Amino acid sequence: MNLNPIFNHENYKKRRSNKKTRSDKKTDVKIYVSEANYNYLFKKASALNISMTELVSNAFYVMFRRGYDYQQFRYSVTDYMVHVKLSKQDNETLGRYAGEWMMNKRKAATNIFNNILYIRGV
């Protein structure tokens, strides 16, 4: 046993595993966007004085509450990515859409986000 608690690895692992998770924990989903859309989101978030993650998360919240018929868009991987923080209810809704469309959650989130941009005329 070491006198310095930093080198005592057994106690560190035991303490770390007892950490509780929040009941209202949000799920992070990454969405690929084009450079033009990324610049648009950056300018819009800066004008509203909020983060891009908050801007996109609020847009998802509104879309899920209103309930739209979504079009299918082509999924492409780009160098630009935005994050969406989804509540438990919104994550379940995204999972339901992903199951209906036979794709994973990231592709479904990208499709919904492209619909948001299409509706807003971007």
Foldseek 3Di string as FASTA:
>chain_A
DDPDVVPVVVVVVVVVVPDDDDPFFWDKAKEADDPVVVVVLVVVCVVVVHDSQVVLQVLLVVCVVVDDDFDFDDGDHDPDMHMYTHTPVSVVVLVVQCVVVVHDSRNSSNRVSVRSCVVVVD
